[in-house]
PDB file of N, CA and C in Angstrom:
ATOM      1  N   MET A   1      -3.318   3.187  12.186  1.00  0.00           N
ATOM      2  CA  MET A   1      -1.506   2.758  13.211  1.00  0.00           C
ATOM      3  C   MET A   1      -1.348   3.368  13.340  1.00  0.00           C
ATOM      4  N   THR A   2      -0.378   4.073  14.251  1.00  0.00           N
ATOM      5  CA  THR A   2       0.576   5.039  14.553  1.00  0.00           C
ATOM      6  C   THR A   2       1.760   4.928  14.340  1.00  0.00           C
ATOM      7  N   ASP A   3       2.519   5.470  13.906  1.00  0.00           N
ATOM      8  CA  ASP A   3       3.970   5.108  14.060  1.00  0.00           C
ATOM      9  C   ASP A   3       5.120   4.864  14.945  1.00  0.00           C
ATOM     10  N   ARG A   4       4.153   4.933  16.261  1.00  0.00           N
ATOM     11  CA  ARG A   4       5.264   4.369  17.566  1.00  0.00           C
ATOM     12  C   ARG A   4       5.123   2.902  16.925  1.00  0.00           C
ATOM     13  N   GLU A   5       3.357   2.929  16.693  1.00  0.00           N
ATOM     14  CA  GLU A   5       2.085   1.217  16.716  1.00  0.00           C
ATOM     15  C   GLU A   5       3.220   0.582  15.931  1.00  0.00           C
ATOM     16  N   MET A   6       3.586   0.666  15.148  1.00  0.00           N
ATOM     17  CA  MET A   6       4.495   0.878  13.104  1.00  0.00           C
ATOM     18  C   MET A   6       5.741  -0.282  13.849  1.00  0.00           C
ATOM     19  N   ARG A   7       6.311   1.384  14.697  1.00  0.00           N
ATOM     20  CA  ARG A   7       7.711   0.353  15.311  1.00  0.00           C
ATOM     21  C   ARG A   7       7.958  -0.661  15.989  1.00  0.00           C
ATOM     22  N   LYS A   8       7.219  -0.144  17.347  1.00  0.00           N
ATOM     23  CA  LYS A   8       7.078  -1.203  18.103  1.00  0.00           C
ATOM     24  C   LYS A   8       6.830  -3.285  17.760  1.00  0.00           C
ATOM     25  N   LEU A   9       5.800  -2.793  16.464  1.00  0.00           N
ATOM     26  CA  LEU A   9       5.529  -3.887  15.338  1.00  0.00           C
ATOM     27  C   LEU A   9       7.011  -5.055  14.819  1.00  0.00           C
ATOM     28  N   LYS A  10       7.545  -3.786  15.004  1.00  0.00           N
ATOM     29  CA  LYS A  10       8.704  -3.214  13.488  1.00  0.00           C
ATOM     30  C   LYS A  10      10.569  -4.644  14.566  1.00  0.00           C
ATOM     31  N   ARG A  11      10.432  -3.958  15.552  1.00  0.00           N
ATOM     32  CA  ARG A  11      11.209  -4.705  17.045  1.00  0.00           C
ATOM     33  C   ARG A  11      11.023  -5.911  16.469  1.00  0.00           C
ATOM     34  N   GLN A  12       9.408  -6.227  16.838  1.00  0.00           N
ATOM     35  CA  GLN A  12       9.334  -7.835  17.663  1.00  0.00           C
ATOM     36  C   GLN A  12       9.336  -8.854  15.925  1.00  0.00           C
ATOM     37  N   ASP A  13      10.090  -8.034  15.164  1.00  0.00           N
ATOM     38  CA  ASP A  13       9.908  -8.798  13.726  1.00  0.00           C
ATOM     39  C   ASP A  13       8.284  -9.305  13.029  1.00  0.00           C
ATOM     40  N   LEU A  14       7.755  -8.653  13.539  1.00  0.00           N
ATOM     41  CA  LEU A  14       6.043  -8.732  13.145  1.00  0.00           C
ATOM     42  C   LEU A  14       5.120  -7.797  11.477  1.00  0.00           C
ATOM     43  N   LEU A  15       6.892  -6.679  11.366  1.00  0.00           N
ATOM     44  CA  LEU A  15       5.919  -6.274  10.433  1.00  0.00           C
ATOM     45  C   LEU A  15       7.100  -5.957   9.553  1.00  0.00           C
ATOM     46  N   GLN A  16       7.161  -6.035   8.334  1.00  0.00           N
ATOM     47  CA  GLN A  16       7.981  -5.629   7.223  1.00  0.00           C
ATOM     48  C   GLN A  16       8.173  -4.438   5.937  1.00  0.00           C
ATOM     49  N   MET A  17       9.030  -3.137   6.093  1.00  0.00           N
ATOM     50  CA  MET A  17       7.992  -2.439   5.718  1.00  0.00           C
ATOM     51  C   MET A  17       9.269  -2.518   4.141  1.00  0.00           C
ATOM     52  N   LEU A  18       8.181  -1.965   2.953  1.00  0.00           N
ATOM     53  CA  LEU A  18       8.671  -1.885   1.672  1.00  0.00           C
ATOM     54  C   LEU A  18       8.780  -0.579   1.010  1.00  0.00           C
ATOM     55  N   VAL A  19       9.821   0.368   0.203  1.00  0.00           N
ATOM     56  CA  VAL A  19       9.552   0.934  -0.439  1.00  0.00           C
ATOM     57  C   VAL A  19      10.004   0.361  -1.748  1.00  0.00           C
ATOM     58  N   ALA A  20       9.044   1.491  -3.206  1.00  0.00           N
ATOM     59  CA  ALA A  20       9.310   1.284  -4.182  1.00  0.00           C
ATOM     60  C   ALA A  20       9.877   2.202  -4.540  1.00  0.00           C
ATOM     61  N   LEU A  21      10.919   2.192  -5.681  1.00  0.00           N
ATOM     62  CA  LEU A  21      11.213   3.767  -6.193  1.00  0.00           C
ATOM     63  C   LEU A  21      10.858   3.362  -7.616  1.00  0.00           C
ATOM     64  N   LEU A  22      10.105   4.255  -7.891  1.00  0.00           N
ATOM     65  CA  LEU A  22      10.633   4.244  -9.468  1.00  0.00           C
ATOM     66  C   LEU A  22      12.237   5.469  -9.991  1.00  0.00           C
ATOM     67  N   CYS A  23      12.771   5.184 -10.463  1.00  0.00           N
ATOM     68  CA  CYS A  23      13.992   5.974 -11.171  1.00  0.00           C
ATOM     69  C   CYS A  23      13.424   6.892 -12.486  1.00  0.00           C
ATOM     70  N   THR A  24      13.197   7.465 -13.117  1.00  0.00           N
ATOM     71  CA  THR A  24      13.766   8.021 -14.366  1.00  0.00           C
ATOM     72  C   THR A  24      14.279   8.954 -14.806  1.00  0.00           C
ATOM     73  N   VAL A  25      15.359   9.036 -16.111  1.00  0.00           N
ATOM     74  CA  VAL A  25      16.286   9.668 -16.630  1.00  0.00           C
ATOM     75  C   VAL A  25      15.227  11.527 -17.201  1.00  0.00           C
ATOM     76  N   VAL A  26      15.893  12.085 -16.485  1.00  0.00           N
ATOM     77  CA  VAL A  26      14.099  13.645 -17.420  1.00  0.00           C
ATOM     78  C   VAL A  26      15.272  13.660 -18.326  1.00  0.00           C
ATOM     79  N   ASP A  27      14.442  15.565 -18.996  1.00  0.00           N
ATOM     80  CA  ASP A  27      15.847  15.687 -19.436  1.00  0.00           C
ATOM     81  C   ASP A  27      15.980  17.166 -19.017  1.00  0.00           C
ATOM     82  N   SER A  28      16.918  18.396 -19.110  1.00  0.00           N
ATOM     83  CA  SER A  28      16.199  20.200 -18.267  1.00  0.00           C
ATOM     84  C   SER A  28      15.724  20.389 -17.764  1.00  0.00           C
ATOM     85  N   LYS A  29      14.123  19.530 -18.616  1.00  0.00           N
ATOM     86  CA  LYS A  29      12.960  20.448 -18.372  1.00  0.00           C
ATOM     87  C   LYS A  29      11.882  20.076 -16.801  1.00  0.00           C
ATOM     88  N   GLY A  30      12.929  18.633 -16.048  1.00  0.00           N
ATOM     89  CA  GLY A  30      11.760  18.055 -15.942  1.00  0.00           C
ATOM     90  C   GLY A  30      10.966  16.814 -16.980  1.00  0.00           C
ATOM     91  N   ASN A  31      10.995  16.492 -17.712  1.00  0.00           N
ATOM     92  CA  ASN A  31      10.358  15.860 -18.511  1.00  0.00           C
ATOM     93  C   ASN A  31      11.328  14.325 -18.625  1.00  0.00           C
ATOM     94  N   PRO A  32      10.210  13.177 -18.874  1.00  0.00           N
ATOM     95  CA  PRO A  32      11.032  12.186 -18.656  1.00  0.00           C
ATOM     96  C   PRO A  32      11.881  12.163 -20.326  1.00  0.00           C
ATOM     97  N   MET A  33      12.688  11.371 -20.494  1.00  0.00           N
ATOM     98  CA  MET A  33      13.359  11.320 -21.927  1.00  0.00           C
ATOM     99  C   MET A  33      12.900   9.800 -22.177  1.00  0.00           C
ATOM    100  N   GLU A  34      12.161   9.387 -23.838  1.00  0.00           N
ATOM    101  CA  GLU A  34      11.315   8.734 -24.212  1.00  0.00           C
ATOM    102  C   GLU A  34      12.325   8.076 -25.568  1.00  0.00           C
ATOM    103  N   GLU A  35      13.381   8.948 -25.771  1.00  0.00           N
ATOM    104  CA  GLU A  35      13.804   7.548 -26.964  1.00  0.00           C
ATOM    105  C   GLU A  35      15.062   8.775 -27.404  1.00  0.00           C
ATOM    106  N   GLY A  36      16.095   8.023 -28.134  1.00  0.00           N
ATOM    107  CA  GLY A  36      17.799   8.879 -28.898  1.00  0.00           C
ATOM    108  C   GLY A  36      18.776   8.254 -28.252  1.00  0.00           C
ATOM    109  N   PRO A  37      19.533   8.205 -28.689  1.00  0.00           N
ATOM    110  CA  PRO A  37      21.427   7.962 -28.489  1.00  0.00           C
ATOM    111  C   PRO A  37      21.653   8.397 -26.900  1.00  0.00           C
ATOM    112  N   PHE A  38      21.823  10.090 -26.578  1.00  0.00           N
ATOM    113  CA  PHE A  38      21.500  10.144 -24.812  1.00  0.00           C
ATOM    114  C   PHE A  38      20.803   9.725 -23.988  1.00  0.00           C
ATOM    115  N   LEU A  39      20.084   8.618 -24.482  1.00  0.00           N
ATOM    116  CA  LEU A  39      18.993   8.198 -23.907  1.00  0.00           C
ATOM    117  C   LEU A  39      20.009   7.054 -23.366  1.00  0.00           C
ATOM    118  N   GLU A  40      20.100   6.466 -24.869  1.00  0.00           N
ATOM    119  CA  GLU A  40      20.537   5.149 -24.208  1.00  0.00           C
ATOM    120  C   GLU A  40      22.297   5.230 -23.344  1.00  0.00           C
ATOM    121  N   GLU A  41      22.683   6.324 -23.796  1.00  0.00           N
ATOM    122  CA  GLU A  41      24.210   7.102 -22.863  1.00  0.00           C
ATOM    123  C   GLU A  41      23.391   6.643 -21.583  1.00  0.00           C
ATOM    124  N   LEU A  42      22.272   7.294 -21.225  1.00  0.00           N
ATOM    125  CA  LEU A  42      22.057   7.347 -19.856  1.00  0.00           C
ATOM    126  C   LEU A  42      22.092   6.277 -18.974  1.00  0.00           C
ATOM    127  N   SER A  43      20.765   5.660 -19.502  1.00  0.00           N
ATOM    128  CA  SER A  43      20.582   4.157 -19.364  1.00  0.00           C
ATOM    129  C   SER A  43      21.254   3.567 -18.100  1.00  0.00           C
ATOM    130  N   PRO A  44      22.794   2.982 -19.517  1.00  0.00           N
ATOM    131  CA  PRO A  44      22.954   1.888 -18.172  1.00  0.00           C
ATOM    132  C   PRO A  44      23.658   2.491 -17.067  1.00  0.00           C
ATOM    133  N   ARG A  45      23.849   4.224 -17.383  1.00  0.00           N
ATOM    134  CA  ARG A  45      24.894   4.544 -16.198  1.00  0.00           C
ATOM    135  C   ARG A  45      24.031   5.272 -14.833  1.00  0.00           C
ATOM    136  N   LEU A  46      22.636   5.369 -14.509  1.00  0.00           N
ATOM    137  CA  LEU A  46      21.464   5.203 -14.142  1.00  0.00           C
ATOM    138  C   LEU A  46      21.909   3.707 -13.787  1.00  0.00           C
ATOM    139  N   GLN A  47      21.623   2.821 -13.966  1.00  0.00           N
ATOM    140  CA  GLN A  47      21.711   1.492 -13.157  1.00  0.00           C
ATOM    141  C   GLN A  47      22.831   0.728 -12.914  1.00  0.00           C
ATOM    142  N   ASP A  48      23.973   1.684 -13.092  1.00  0.00           N
ATOM    143  CA  ASP A  48      25.265   1.889 -12.669  1.00  0.00           C
ATOM    144  C   ASP A  48      24.868   2.210 -11.431  1.00  0.00           C
ATOM    145  N   ALA A  49      24.511   3.225 -11.039  1.00  0.00           N
ATOM    146  CA  ALA A  49      24.384   4.151 -10.150  1.00  0.00           C
ATOM    147  C   ALA A  49      23.329   3.437  -9.564  1.00  0.00           C
ATOM    148  N   ILE A  50      22.556   3.255 -10.084  1.00  0.00           N
ATOM    149  CA  ILE A  50      20.967   2.530  -8.724  1.00  0.00           C
ATOM    150  C   ILE A  50      21.970   1.051  -8.006  1.00  0.00           C
ATOM    151  N   GLN A  51      23.095   0.681  -8.880  1.00  0.00           N
ATOM    152  CA  GLN A  51      23.210  -0.698  -8.069  1.00  0.00           C
ATOM    153  C   GLN A  51      24.495  -0.377  -7.355  1.00  0.00           C
ATOM    154  N   SER A  52      25.413   0.848  -7.264  1.00  0.00           N
ATOM    155  CA  SER A  52      26.227   0.882  -6.237  1.00  0.00           C
ATOM    156  C   SER A  52      26.078   2.090  -5.340  1.00  0.00           C
ATOM    157  N   SER A  53      24.282   2.131  -5.190  1.00  0.00           N
ATOM    158  CA  SER A  53      23.504   3.300  -4.240  1.00  0.00           C
ATOM    159  C   SER A  53      22.654   2.351  -3.164  1.00  0.00           C
ATOM    160  N   VAL A  54      22.467   0.346  -3.593  1.00  0.00           N
ATOM    161  CA  VAL A  54      21.385   0.420  -2.861  1.00  0.00           C
ATOM    162  C   VAL A  54      22.556  -1.203  -2.257  1.00  0.00           C
ATOM    163  N   ARG A  55      21.805  -1.814  -1.190  1.00  0.00           N
ATOM    164  CA  ARG A  55      21.964  -2.851  -0.460  1.00  0.00           C
ATOM    165  C   ARG A  55      21.844  -4.211  -1.083  1.00  0.00           C
ATOM    166  N   HIS A  56      22.806  -5.254  -0.906  1.00  0.00           N
ATOM    167  CA  HIS A  56      22.495  -6.275  -1.755  1.00  0.00           C
ATOM    168  C   HIS A  56      21.335  -7.067  -1.967  1.00  0.00           C
ATOM    169  N   GLY A  57      20.442  -6.929  -0.628  1.00  0.00           N
ATOM    170  CA  GLY A  57      18.898  -7.385  -0.874  1.00  0.00           C
ATOM    171  C   GLY A  57      17.783  -6.565  -1.680  1.00  0.00           C
ATOM    172  N   ASP A  58      18.346  -5.675  -2.089  1.00  0.00           N
ATOM    173  CA  ASP A  58      17.447  -4.643  -2.463  1.00  0.00           C
ATOM    174  C   ASP A  58      17.223  -5.093  -4.524  1.00  0.00           C
ATOM    175  N   VAL A  59      16.426  -5.061  -4.696  1.00  0.00           N
ATOM    176  CA  VAL A  59      15.955  -5.062  -6.444  1.00  0.00           C
ATOM    177  C   VAL A  59      15.322  -4.240  -7.402  1.00  0.00           C
ATOM    178  N   VAL A  60      16.562  -4.415  -7.779  1.00  0.00           N
ATOM    179  CA  VAL A  60      16.233  -3.850  -9.138  1.00  0.00           C
ATOM    180  C   VAL A  60      15.908  -3.755 -10.639  1.00  0.00           C
ATOM    181  N   ALA A  61      15.379  -3.089 -11.326  1.00  0.00           N
ATOM    182  CA  ALA A  61      14.627  -3.682 -12.700  1.00  0.00           C
ATOM    183  C   ALA A  61      14.879  -2.587 -13.768  1.00  0.00           C
ATOM    184  N   LYS A  62      14.829  -3.030 -14.527  1.00  0.00           N
ATOM    185  CA  LYS A  62      15.242  -2.095 -15.736  1.00  0.00           C
ATOM    186  C   LYS A  62      12.828  -1.681 -16.160  1.00  0.00           C
ATOM    187  N   TYR A  63      12.092  -1.190 -15.776  1.00  0.00           N
ATOM    188  CA  TYR A  63      10.954  -0.770 -16.255  1.00  0.00           C
ATOM    189  C   TYR A  63      10.431  -0.641 -17.671  1.00  0.00           C
ATOM    190  N   GLY A  64      11.452  -0.028 -18.263  1.00  0.00           N
ATOM    191  CA  GLY A  64      10.771   1.098 -19.066  1.00  0.00           C
ATOM    192  C   GLY A  64      11.628   1.946 -19.534  1.00  0.00           C
ATOM    193  N   ARG A  65      11.251   1.847 -21.031  1.00  0.00           N
ATOM    194  CA  ARG A  65      13.272   3.130 -21.463  1.00  0.00           C
ATOM    195  C   ARG A  65      13.356   3.970 -21.061  1.00  0.00           C
ATOM    196  N   GLY A  66      15.400   3.507 -20.344  1.00  0.00           N
ATOM    197  CA  GLY A  66      15.019   5.193 -18.707  1.00  0.00           C
ATOM    198  C   GLY A  66      15.020   5.056 -17.234  1.00  0.00           C
ATOM    199  N   GLN A  67      13.361   3.353 -16.898  1.00  0.00           N
ATOM    200  CA  GLN A  67      13.665   3.504 -15.526  1.00  0.00           C
ATOM    201  C   GLN A  67      13.360   2.653 -15.202  1.00  0.00           C
ATOM    202  N   TYR A  68      14.671   2.613 -14.286  1.00  0.00           N
ATOM    203  CA  TYR A  68      13.991   1.157 -13.390  1.00  0.00           C
ATOM    204  C   TYR A  68      13.250   1.441 -11.862  1.00  0.00           C
ATOM    205  N   LEU A  69      12.841   0.341 -11.364  1.00  0.00           N
ATOM    206  CA  LEU A  69      12.385  -0.351 -10.071  1.00  0.00           C
ATOM    207  C   LEU A  69      13.406  -0.817  -8.885  1.00  0.00           C
ATOM    208  N   VAL A  70      13.221   0.287  -7.925  1.00  0.00           N
ATOM    209  CA  VAL A  70      13.932  -0.228  -7.084  1.00  0.00           C
ATOM    210  C   VAL A  70      13.021  -0.601  -6.197  1.00  0.00           C
ATOM    211  N   LEU A  71      13.087  -1.916  -5.398  1.00  0.00           N
ATOM    212  CA  LEU A  71      12.191  -2.474  -4.270  1.00  0.00           C
ATOM    213  C   LEU A  71      13.223  -2.166  -3.459  1.00  0.00           C
ATOM    214  N   LEU A  72      13.183  -1.452  -2.452  1.00  0.00           N
ATOM    215  CA  LEU A  72      14.086  -1.675  -0.104  1.00  0.00           C
ATOM    216  C   LEU A  72      13.649  -2.062   0.109  1.00  0.00           C
ATOM    217  N   VAL A  73      14.020  -3.518   0.900  1.00  0.00           N
ATOM    218  CA  VAL A  73      13.659  -4.240   1.823  1.00  0.00           C
ATOM    219  C   VAL A  73      13.562  -3.452   3.406  1.00  0.00           C
ATOM    220  N   ASN A  74      12.742  -3.209   3.972  1.00  0.00           N
ATOM    221  CA  ASN A  74      13.230  -2.711   5.631  1.00  0.00           C
ATOM    222  C   ASN A  74      13.690  -1.878   5.637  1.00  0.00           C
ATOM    223  N   THR A  75      13.625  -0.995   4.958  1.00  0.00           N
ATOM    224  CA  THR A  75      13.176   0.558   5.065  1.00  0.00           C
ATOM    225  C   THR A  75      12.050   1.453   5.109  1.00  0.00           C
ATOM    226  N   THR A  76      12.202   3.242   5.305  1.00  0.00           N
ATOM    227  CA  THR A  76      11.802   3.783   5.424  1.00  0.00           C
ATOM    228  C   THR A  76      12.056   4.768   4.035  1.00  0.00           C
ATOM    229  N   ARG A  77      10.498   5.415   3.855  1.00  0.00           N
ATOM    230  CA  ARG A  77      10.921   6.418   3.045  1.00  0.00           C
ATOM    231  C   ARG A  77      11.652   7.701   3.388  1.00  0.00           C
ATOM    232  N   GLU A  78      11.816   7.813   5.092  1.00  0.00           N
ATOM    233  CA  GLU A  78      12.306   9.032   5.112  1.00  0.00           C
ATOM    234  C   GLU A  78      14.319   8.516   4.479  1.00  0.00           C
ATOM    235  N   ASN A  79      14.416   6.440   4.490  1.00  0.00           N
ATOM    236  CA  ASN A  79      15.996   6.197   4.619  1.00  0.00           C
ATOM    237  C   ASN A  79      16.567   5.962   2.520  1.00  0.00           C
ATOM    238  N   CYS A  80      14.750   6.213   1.978  1.00  0.00           N
ATOM    239  CA  CYS A  80      14.911   5.804   0.579  1.00  0.00           C
ATOM    240  C   CYS A  80      16.000   7.618   0.642  1.00  0.00           C
ATOM    241  N   SER A  81      15.018   8.326   0.939  1.00  0.00           N
ATOM    242  CA  SER A  81      16.039   9.808   0.297  1.00  0.00           C
ATOM    243  C   SER A  81      17.391  10.399   0.514  1.00  0.00           C
ATOM    244  N   VAL A  82      18.379   9.249   0.578  1.00  0.00           N
ATOM    245  CA  VAL A  82      18.984   9.005   1.345  1.00  0.00           C
ATOM    246  C   VAL A  82      20.061   7.683   0.167  1.00  0.00           C
ATOM    247  N   VAL A  83      18.955   6.982  -0.166  1.00  0.00           N
ATOM    248  CA  VAL A  83      19.237   5.988  -1.179  1.00  0.00           C
ATOM    249  C   VAL A  83      19.409   7.684  -3.163  1.00  0.00           C
ATOM    250  N   GLN A  84      18.367   8.355  -2.795  1.00  0.00           N
ATOM    251  CA  GLN A  84      18.032   9.013  -3.742  1.00  0.00           C
ATOM    252  C   GLN A  84      19.291   9.808  -3.508  1.00  0.00           C
ATOM    253  N   LYS A  85      20.114  10.757  -2.434  1.00  0.00           N
ATOM    254  CA  LYS A  85      21.215  11.014  -3.305  1.00  0.00           C
ATOM    255  C   LYS A  85      22.089  10.315  -3.615  1.00  0.00           C
ATOM    256  N   ARG A  86      22.635   9.601  -3.160  1.00  0.00           N
ATOM    257  CA  ARG A  86      23.441   8.505  -3.177  1.00  0.00           C
ATOM    258  C   ARG A  86      23.675   8.569  -4.929  1.00  0.00           C
ATOM    259  N   ILE A  87      22.585   7.903  -5.536  1.00  0.00           N
ATOM    260  CA  ILE A  87      21.720   8.041  -7.558  1.00  0.00           C
ATOM    261  C   ILE A  87      22.951   9.163  -7.795  1.00  0.00           C
ATOM    262  N   ASN A  88      21.613  10.480  -7.379  1.00  0.00           N
ATOM    263  CA  ASN A  88      22.381  11.589  -8.508  1.00  0.00           C
ATOM    264  C   ASN A  88      23.783  11.955  -7.192  1.00  0.00           C
ATOM    265  N   TYR A  89      24.611  10.933  -6.875  1.00  0.00           N
ATOM    266  CA  TYR A  89      25.866  11.865  -6.539  1.00  0.00           C
ATOM    267  C   TYR A  89      26.010  10.828  -7.760  1.00  0.00           C
ATOM    268  N   LYS A  90      25.924   9.834  -8.450  1.00  0.00           N
ATOM    269  CA  LYS A  90      26.990   8.894  -9.105  1.00  0.00           C
ATOM    270  C   LYS A  90      26.422   9.150 -10.188  1.00  0.00           C
ATOM    271  N   PHE A  91      25.661   9.282 -10.522  1.00  0.00           N
ATOM    272  CA  PHE A  91      24.808   9.965 -11.521  1.00  0.00           C
ATOM    273  C   PHE A  91      24.897  11.033 -11.991  1.00  0.00           C
ATOM    274  N   VAL A  92      24.552  12.256 -12.081  1.00  0.00           N
ATOM    275  CA  VAL A  92      24.646  13.386 -12.473  1.00  0.00           C
ATOM    276  C   VAL A  92      26.377  14.022 -12.464  1.00  0.00           C
ATOM    277  N   VAL A  93      27.340  14.645 -13.515  1.00  0.00           N
ATOM    278  CA  VAL A  93      28.349  14.906 -13.896  1.00  0.00           C
ATOM    279  C   VAL A  93      28.248  16.199 -14.348  1.00  0.00           C
ATOM    280  N   GLY A  94      29.759  17.269 -13.275  1.00  0.00           N
ATOM    281  CA  GLY A  94      29.627  18.068 -14.167  1.00  0.00           C
ATOM    282  C   GLY A  94      28.394  18.877 -13.639  1.00  0.00           C
ATOM    283  N   ARG A  95      27.877  19.662 -15.163  1.00  0.00           N
ATOM    284  CA  ARG A  95      27.279  20.033 -15.788  1.00  0.00           C
ATOM    285  C   ARG A  95      25.923  19.439 -16.557  1.00  0.00           C
ATOM    286  N   GLN A  96      26.528  18.870 -16.050  1.00  0.00           N
ATOM    287  CA  GLN A  96      24.834  17.315 -16.691  1.00  0.00           C
ATOM    288  C   GLN A  96      23.716  18.492 -16.829  1.00  0.00           C
ATOM    289  N   ARG A  97      22.239  18.194 -17.846  1.00  0.00           N
ATOM    290  CA  ARG A  97      21.188  19.357 -17.413  1.00  0.00           C
ATOM    291  C   ARG A  97      21.021  18.043 -17.593  1.00  0.00           C
ATOM    292  N   THR A  98      20.568  17.088 -17.224  1.00  0.00           N
ATOM    293  CA  THR A  98      19.303  16.037 -17.431  1.00  0.00           C
ATOM    294  C   THR A  98      19.321  15.804 -15.367  1.00  0.00           C
ATOM    295  N   GLY A  99      18.668  14.581 -15.467  1.00  0.00           N
ATOM    296  CA  GLY A  99      18.447  13.577 -13.992  1.00  0.00           C
ATOM    297  C   GLY A  99      17.776  12.582 -13.348  1.00  0.00           C
ATOM    298  N   VAL A 100      17.570  12.526 -12.825  1.00  0.00           N
ATOM    299  CA  VAL A 100      16.865  11.783 -12.640  1.00  0.00           C
ATOM    300  C   VAL A 100      15.631  12.336 -11.525  1.00  0.00           C
ATOM    301  N   LYS A 101      14.236  11.950 -11.384  1.00  0.00           N
ATOM    302  CA  LYS A 101      13.181  12.201 -11.628  1.00  0.00           C
ATOM    303  C   LYS A 101      12.300  11.178 -10.495  1.00  0.00           C
ATOM    304  N   TYR A 102      12.628  11.379  -9.300  1.00  0.00           N
ATOM    305  CA  TYR A 102      11.901   9.833  -8.129  1.00  0.00           C
ATOM    306  C   TYR A 102       9.876   9.617  -8.243  1.00  0.00           C
ATOM    307  N   TYR A 103       9.431   8.509  -7.805  1.00  0.00           N
ATOM    308  CA  TYR A 103       8.645   8.309  -7.552  1.00  0.00           C
ATOM    309  C   TYR A 103       8.623   7.033  -7.373  1.00  0.00           C
ATOM    310  N   VAL A 104       8.235   7.389  -5.352  1.00  0.00           N
ATOM    311  CA  VAL A 104       7.624   6.588  -4.156  1.00  0.00           C
ATOM    312  C   VAL A 104       6.887   5.504  -3.774  1.00  0.00           C
ATOM    313  N   ASN A 105       6.790   4.794  -2.993  1.00  0.00           N
ATOM    314  CA  ASN A 105       5.761   4.091  -2.878  1.00  0.00           C
ATOM    315  C   ASN A 105       6.322   3.015  -1.936  1.00  0.00           C
ATOM    316  N   SER A 106       5.324   3.166  -0.281  1.00  0.00           N
ATOM    317  CA  SER A 106       5.653   2.647   0.060  1.00  0.00           C
ATOM    318  C   SER A 106       4.423   1.876   1.053  1.00  0.00           C
ATOM    319  N   VAL A 107       5.089   0.392   2.062  1.00  0.00           N
ATOM    320  CA  VAL A 107       4.015  -0.775   2.096  1.00  0.00           C
ATOM    321  C   VAL A 107       4.708  -0.997   3.258  1.00  0.00           C
ATOM    322  N   VAL A 108       3.511  -1.285   4.734  1.00  0.00           N
ATOM    323  CA  VAL A 108       3.855  -1.621   5.586  1.00  0.00           C
ATOM    324  C   VAL A 108       3.415  -3.352   5.684  1.00  0.00           C
ATOM    325  N   CYS A 109       3.857  -4.197   5.231  1.00  0.00           N
ATOM    326  CA  CYS A 109       3.749  -6.208   5.071  1.00  0.00           C
ATOM    327  C   CYS A 109       3.846  -6.409   6.603  1.00  0.00           C
ATOM    328  N   PRO A 110       3.506  -7.831   7.154  1.00  0.00           N
ATOM    329  CA  PRO A 110       3.213  -8.979   7.840  1.00  0.00           C
ATOM    330  C   PRO A 110       5.014  -9.226   8.074  1.00  0.00           C
ATOM    331  N   ALA A 111       5.272  -9.703   8.191  1.00  0.00           N
ATOM    332  CA  ALA A 111       6.118 -10.164   8.508  1.00  0.00           C
ATOM    333  C   ALA A 111       6.373 -11.218   8.071  1.00  0.00           C
ATOM    334  N   GLU A 112       6.911 -13.038   7.653  1.00  0.00           N
ATOM    335  CA  GLU A 112       6.633 -13.505   6.921  1.00  0.00           C
ATOM    336  C   GLU A 112       6.711 -14.753   8.849  1.00  0.00           C
ATOM    337  N   THR A 113       7.209 -15.814   9.060  1.00  0.00           N
ATOM    338  CA  THR A 113       7.036 -16.713  10.365  1.00  0.00           C
ATOM    339  C   THR A 113       7.374 -17.003  10.117  1.00  0.00           C
ATOM    340  N   LYS A 114       8.335 -18.147  11.292  1.00  0.00           N
ATOM    341  CA  LYS A 114       9.904 -18.571  10.874  1.00  0.00           C
ATOM    342  C   LYS A 114       8.666 -20.192  11.707  1.00  0.00           C
TER     343      LYS A 114
END
């Protein structure tokens, strides 16, 4: 299916686009942080940054230590990058050496009939 066809079906409320975003706290080398007091401090901060960066209808769930899974409803992968920038802006403070690594996957589903 082409992008044009998908947009047309979306406008007709026949498709629902979902983006799954896995956010993981990483160290200065880009490796996932697995344990320790610093991770225990950063994990709630990441949760706050995520929850204040997504819409009310989006779903946020703790996935693992220092990991959160976000389900963005009716959005595109492109709009997902806007959410990532918001999270980074709210999470990274000053010269902080840690960051967030993102894994993104999207799916197009038929919309529920009314």
